[in-house]
Amino acid sequence: MSSFLKAKTVTHYVLFAIILISSFCLYGYVKNRIELNQARTVLTTMLKSSPYDVRVSRNTIIKEESGPFSGIIWYEYTFATSQTLAESKKYKKFLHQSSKNMTLKNCPIVYRVIVRPPTKKIKHWTGEIYLDTNQKLSATGRSNYVQALSDKSLCELTIS
């Protein structure tokens, strides 16, 4: 009888641990979805008040972090417009490559939007937009042409 009670107690502990772990996973998933939805709303609001209203989405909004414990978080989104198509043709010409058959869905230059949530020092959402390649490259991985294009096109986005 005592071995039956021990087995029943162990089963209760295992069941409790499974429920506890599942609860933490569910909390993390729901929290992430809420944050992503909030960032999407802010991004949409920022872009509505800017001249980038006719756009073709190239990537969905994604959450980025600089490290697991740094607390530095931002959201990233890329899209293409007729201006990015024109810049892409110039870029391909610079690379001595053909720009034939280039469309908004496959042009190498896109607008990259970075949106940052409020922090302890900055109490509101901030955002910036600039021209960049569609690949995720660090500043050291970019060509000088793309780096100059990004620097020249950088502007702040505000919520109106």
C-alpha atoms as a PDB file:
ATOM      1  CA  MET A   1       0.000   0.000   0.000  1.00  0.00           C
ATOM      2  CA  SER A   2       2.820   2.433   0.805  1.00  0.00           C
ATOM      3  CA  SER A   3       4.425   1.899  -2.622  1.00  0.00           C
ATOM      4  CA  PHE A   4       1.055   2.735  -4.203  1.00  0.00           C
ATOM      5  CA  LEU A   5       0.908   6.003  -2.208  1.00  0.00           C
ATOM      6  CA  LYS A   6       4.497   6.854  -3.180  1.00  0.00           C
ATOM      7  CA  ALA A   7       3.731   6.236  -6.860  1.00  0.00           C
ATOM      8  CA  LYS A   8       0.591   8.369  -6.584  1.00  0.00           C
ATOM      9  CA  THR A   9       2.573  11.195  -4.934  1.00  0.00           C
ATOM     10  CA  VAL A  10       5.290  11.052  -7.611  1.00  0.00           C
ATOM     11  CA  THR A  11       2.585  11.151 -10.288  1.00  0.00           C
ATOM     12  CA  HIS A  12       1.105  14.259  -8.666  1.00  0.00           C
ATOM     13  CA  TYR A  13       4.512  15.975  -8.632  1.00  0.00           C
ATOM     14  CA  VAL A  14       5.157  15.107 -12.276  1.00  0.00           C
ATOM     15  CA  LEU A  15       1.690  16.306 -13.259  1.00  0.00           C
ATOM     16  CA  PHE A  16       2.192  19.534 -11.288  1.00  0.00           C
ATOM     17  CA  ALA A  17       5.578  20.116 -12.977  1.00  0.00           C
ATOM     18  CA  ILE A  18       4.072  19.555 -16.435  1.00  0.00           C
ATOM     19  CA  ILE A  19       1.227  21.995 -15.706  1.00  0.00           C
ATOM     20  CA  LEU A  20       3.679  24.567 -14.328  1.00  0.00           C
ATOM     21  CA  ILE A  21       6.007  24.343 -17.347  1.00  0.00           C
ATOM     22  CA  SER A  22       3.040  24.485 -19.737  1.00  0.00           C
ATOM     23  CA  SER A  23       1.748  27.593 -17.956  1.00  0.00           C
ATOM     24  CA  PHE A  24       5.097  29.379 -18.334  1.00  0.00           C
ATOM     25  CA  CYS A  25       5.268  28.457 -22.031  1.00  0.00           C
ATOM     26  CA  LEU A  26       1.711  29.647 -22.633  1.00  0.00           C
ATOM     27  CA  TYR A  27       2.400  32.908 -20.759  1.00  0.00           C
ATOM     28  CA  GLY A  28       5.518  33.550 -22.868  1.00  0.00           C
ATOM     29  CA  TYR A  29       3.670  32.839 -26.111  1.00  0.00           C
ATOM     30  CA  VAL A  30       0.719  35.094 -25.236  1.00  0.00           C
ATOM     31  CA  LYS A  31       3.015  37.886 -24.016  1.00  0.00           C
ATOM     32  CA  ASN A  32       5.042  37.719 -27.242  1.00  0.00           C
ATOM     33  CA  ARG A  33       1.880  37.834 -29.413  1.00  0.00           C
ATOM     34  CA  ILE A  34       0.544  40.852 -27.488  1.00  0.00           C
ATOM     35  CA  GLU A  35       3.876  42.700 -27.838  1.00  0.00           C
ATOM     36  CA  LEU A  36       4.054  41.876 -31.557  1.00  0.00           C
ATOM     37  CA  ASN A  37       0.488  43.091 -32.109  1.00  0.00           C
ATOM     38  CA  GLN A  38       1.235  46.314 -30.221  1.00  0.00           C
ATOM     39  CA  ALA A  39       4.385  46.881 -32.301  1.00  0.00           C
ATOM     40  CA  ARG A  40       2.434  46.221 -35.517  1.00  0.00           C
ATOM     41  CA  THR A  41      -0.160  48.826 -34.479  1.00  0.00           C
ATOM     42  CA  VAL A  42       2.532  51.413 -33.702  1.00  0.00           C
ATOM     43  CA  LEU A  43       4.346  50.671 -36.958  1.00  0.00           C
ATOM     44  CA  THR A  44       1.140  51.051 -38.974  1.00  0.00           C
ATOM     45  CA  THR A  45       0.391  54.357 -37.242  1.00  0.00           C
ATOM     46  CA  MET A  46       3.902  55.657 -37.916  1.00  0.00           C
ATOM     47  CA  LEU A  47       3.776  54.675 -41.589  1.00  0.00           C
ATOM     48  CA  LYS A  48       0.310  56.207 -42.101  1.00  0.00           C
ATOM     49  CA  SER A  49       1.691  59.653 -41.304  1.00  0.00           C
ATOM     50  CA  SER A  50       4.640  59.198 -43.670  1.00  0.00           C
ATOM     51  CA  PRO A  51       4.836  59.338 -47.475  1.00  0.00           C
ATOM     52  CA  TYR A  52       5.269  55.541 -47.714  1.00  0.00           C
ATOM     53  CA  ASP A  53       1.604  54.629 -48.120  1.00  0.00           C
ATOM     54  CA  VAL A  54       1.840  52.584 -51.358  1.00  0.00           C
ATOM     55  CA  ARG A  55       4.130  49.713 -50.400  1.00  0.00           C
ATOM     56  CA  VAL A  56       4.710  46.022 -50.993  1.00  0.00           C
ATOM     57  CA  SER A  57       5.586  44.154 -47.808  1.00  0.00           C
ATOM     58  CA  ARG A  58       8.808  42.164 -48.078  1.00  0.00           C
ATOM     59  CA  ASN A  59       8.962  40.717 -44.555  1.00  0.00           C
ATOM     60  CA  THR A  60       6.479  40.525 -41.731  1.00  0.00           C
ATOM     61  CA  ILE A  61       7.302  42.422 -38.579  1.00  0.00           C
ATOM     62  CA  ILE A  62       9.775  40.482 -36.442  1.00  0.00           C
ATOM     63  CA  LYS A  63      11.089  40.951 -32.933  1.00  0.00           C
ATOM     64  CA  GLU A  64      14.838  41.326 -32.480  1.00  0.00           C
ATOM     65  CA  GLU A  65      16.937  41.377 -29.313  1.00  0.00           C
ATOM     66  CA  SER A  66      20.581  42.286 -28.864  1.00  0.00           C
ATOM     67  CA  GLY A  67      21.104  39.559 -26.291  1.00  0.00           C
ATOM     68  CA  PRO A  68      19.137  37.275 -23.995  1.00  0.00           C
ATOM     69  CA  PHE A  69      19.609  39.438 -20.903  1.00  0.00           C
ATOM     70  CA  SER A  70      20.336  42.873 -22.366  1.00  0.00           C
ATOM     71  CA  GLY A  71      16.739  44.071 -22.426  1.00  0.00           C
ATOM     72  CA  ILE A  72      17.360  45.868 -25.736  1.00  0.00           C
ATOM     73  CA  ILE A  73      14.437  45.019 -28.007  1.00  0.00           C
ATOM     74  CA  TRP A  74      13.296  46.357 -31.368  1.00  0.00           C
ATOM     75  CA  TYR A  75      10.927  45.326 -34.120  1.00  0.00           C
ATOM     76  CA  GLU A  76      11.924  45.225 -37.770  1.00  0.00           C
ATOM     77  CA  TYR A  77       9.860  45.417 -40.967  1.00  0.00           C
ATOM     78  CA  THR A  78      10.843  45.769 -44.632  1.00  0.00           C
ATOM     79  CA  PHE A  79       8.841  46.911 -47.631  1.00  0.00           C
ATOM     80  CA  ALA A  80       9.370  48.041 -51.211  1.00  0.00           C
ATOM     81  CA  THR A  81       8.057  51.074 -53.104  1.00  0.00           C
ATOM     82  CA  SER A  82       8.629  52.589 -56.516  1.00  0.00           C
ATOM     83  CA  GLN A  83      11.541  54.511 -54.970  1.00  0.00           C
ATOM     84  CA  THR A  84      13.228  51.309 -53.777  1.00  0.00           C
ATOM     85  CA  LEU A  85      12.761  49.850 -57.247  1.00  0.00           C
ATOM     86  CA  ALA A  86      14.531  52.866 -58.780  1.00  0.00           C
ATOM     87  CA  GLU A  87      17.346  52.642 -56.200  1.00  0.00           C
ATOM     88  CA  SER A  88      17.630  48.897 -56.851  1.00  0.00           C
ATOM     89  CA  LYS A  89      18.175  49.541 -60.550  1.00  0.00           C
ATOM     90  CA  LYS A  90      20.931  52.052 -59.714  1.00  0.00           C
ATOM     91  CA  TYR A  91      22.475  49.520 -57.318  1.00  0.00           C
ATOM     92  CA  LYS A  92      22.441  46.750 -59.942  1.00  0.00           C
ATOM     93  CA  LYS A  93      23.998  49.169 -62.435  1.00  0.00           C
ATOM     94  CA  PHE A  94      26.709  49.958 -59.865  1.00  0.00           C
ATOM     95  CA  LEU A  95      27.363  46.204 -59.529  1.00  0.00           C
ATOM     96  CA  HIS A  96      27.400  45.838 -63.347  1.00  0.00           C
ATOM     97  CA  GLN A  97      24.462  43.420 -63.163  1.00  0.00           C
ATOM     98  CA  SER A  98      21.261  43.325 -65.165  1.00  0.00           C
ATOM     99  CA  SER A  99      18.166  44.868 -63.627  1.00  0.00           C
ATOM    100  CA  LYS A 100      15.864  43.299 -66.190  1.00  0.00           C
ATOM    101  CA  ASN A 101      12.814  41.511 -64.724  1.00  0.00           C
ATOM    102  CA  MET A 102      13.153  43.418 -61.437  1.00  0.00           C
ATOM    103  CA  THR A 103       9.881  44.055 -59.589  1.00  0.00           C
ATOM    104  CA  LEU A 104       8.829  45.336 -56.181  1.00  0.00           C
ATOM    105  CA  LYS A 105       8.727  41.730 -54.962  1.00  0.00           C
ATOM    106  CA  ASN A 106      12.353  40.951 -55.835  1.00  0.00           C
ATOM    107  CA  CYS A 107      14.255  44.257 -55.782  1.00  0.00           C
ATOM    108  CA  PRO A 108      17.403  44.095 -53.612  1.00  0.00           C
ATOM    109  CA  ILE A 109      16.946  47.539 -52.013  1.00  0.00           C
ATOM    110  CA  VAL A 110      14.053  47.946 -49.559  1.00  0.00           C
ATOM    111  CA  TYR A 111      12.961  50.301 -46.832  1.00  0.00           C
ATOM    112  CA  ARG A 112      13.847  48.910 -43.414  1.00  0.00           C
ATOM    113  CA  VAL A 113      11.742  50.184 -40.517  1.00  0.00           C
ATOM    114  CA  ILE A 114      13.007  49.843 -36.953  1.00  0.00           C
ATOM    115  CA  VAL A 115      10.507  50.413 -34.128  1.00  0.00           C
ATOM    116  CA  ARG A 116      11.608  50.478 -30.483  1.00  0.00           C
ATOM    117  CA  PRO A 117       9.236  50.121 -27.519  1.00  0.00           C
ATOM    118  CA  PRO A 118       9.332  52.535 -24.565  1.00  0.00           C
ATOM    119  CA  THR A 119      12.218  52.152 -22.108  1.00  0.00           C
ATOM    120  CA  LYS A 120      12.978  53.563 -18.664  1.00  0.00           C
ATOM    121  CA  LYS A 121      14.744  56.565 -20.231  1.00  0.00           C
ATOM    122  CA  ILE A 122      12.557  57.075 -23.314  1.00  0.00           C
ATOM    123  CA  LYS A 123       8.902  56.808 -22.369  1.00  0.00           C
ATOM    124  CA  HIS A 124       7.453  56.546 -25.900  1.00  0.00           C
ATOM    125  CA  TRP A 125       7.795  54.417 -29.019  1.00  0.00           C
ATOM    126  CA  THR A 126      10.522  55.513 -31.426  1.00  0.00           C
ATOM    127  CA  GLY A 127      11.087  54.576 -35.027  1.00  0.00           C
ATOM    128  CA  GLU A 128      13.384  55.106 -37.952  1.00  0.00           C
ATOM    129  CA  ILE A 129      13.329  54.201 -41.619  1.00  0.00           C
ATOM    130  CA  TYR A 130      16.134  53.874 -44.146  1.00  0.00           C
ATOM    131  CA  LEU A 131      17.030  52.209 -47.426  1.00  0.00           C
ATOM    132  CA  ASP A 132      18.895  48.920 -47.061  1.00  0.00           C
ATOM    133  CA  THR A 133      19.329  45.555 -48.729  1.00  0.00           C
ATOM    134  CA  ASN A 134      16.733  42.892 -48.077  1.00  0.00           C
ATOM    135  CA  GLN A 135      19.386  40.661 -46.472  1.00  0.00           C
ATOM    136  CA  LYS A 136      20.047  41.033 -42.774  1.00  0.00           C
ATOM    137  CA  LEU A 137      23.595  42.314 -42.729  1.00  0.00           C
ATOM    138  CA  SER A 138      25.455  44.115 -39.994  1.00  0.00           C
ATOM    139  CA  ALA A 139      27.051  47.467 -40.799  1.00  0.00           C
ATOM    140  CA  THR A 140      30.359  45.669 -41.411  1.00  0.00           C
ATOM    141  CA  GLY A 141      28.758  43.290 -43.935  1.00  0.00           C
ATOM    142  CA  ARG A 142      27.279  46.039 -46.108  1.00  0.00           C
ATOM    143  CA  SER A 143      28.971  47.484 -49.140  1.00  0.00           C
ATOM    144  CA  ASN A 144      30.025  51.128 -49.024  1.00  0.00           C
ATOM    145  CA  TYR A 145      27.340  51.899 -51.617  1.00  0.00           C
ATOM    146  CA  VAL A 146      24.547  50.481 -49.433  1.00  0.00           C
ATOM    147  CA  GLN A 147      25.980  52.058 -46.274  1.00  0.00           C
ATOM    148  CA  ALA A 148      26.022  55.504 -47.936  1.00  0.00           C
ATOM    149  CA  LEU A 149      22.478  54.946 -49.215  1.00  0.00           C
ATOM    150  CA  SER A 150      21.305  53.979 -45.714  1.00  0.00           C
ATOM    151  CA  ASP A 151      22.984  56.987 -44.107  1.00  0.00           C
ATOM    152  CA  LYS A 152      21.560  59.382 -46.702  1.00  0.00           C
ATOM    153  CA  SER A 153      17.990  58.043 -46.425  1.00  0.00           C
ATOM    154  CA  LEU A 154      17.767  57.687 -42.619  1.00  0.00           C
ATOM    155  CA  CYS A 155      14.783  59.512 -41.087  1.00  0.00           C
ATOM    156  CA  GLU A 156      12.937  59.397 -37.808  1.00  0.00           C
ATOM    157  CA  LEU A 157       9.333  58.215 -37.663  1.00  0.00           C
ATOM    158  CA  THR A 158       6.870  59.654 -35.177  1.00  0.00           C
ATOM    159  CA  ILE A 159       3.420  58.729 -33.991  1.00  0.00           C
ATOM    160  CA  SER A 160       0.896  61.382 -34.917  1.00  0.00           C
END
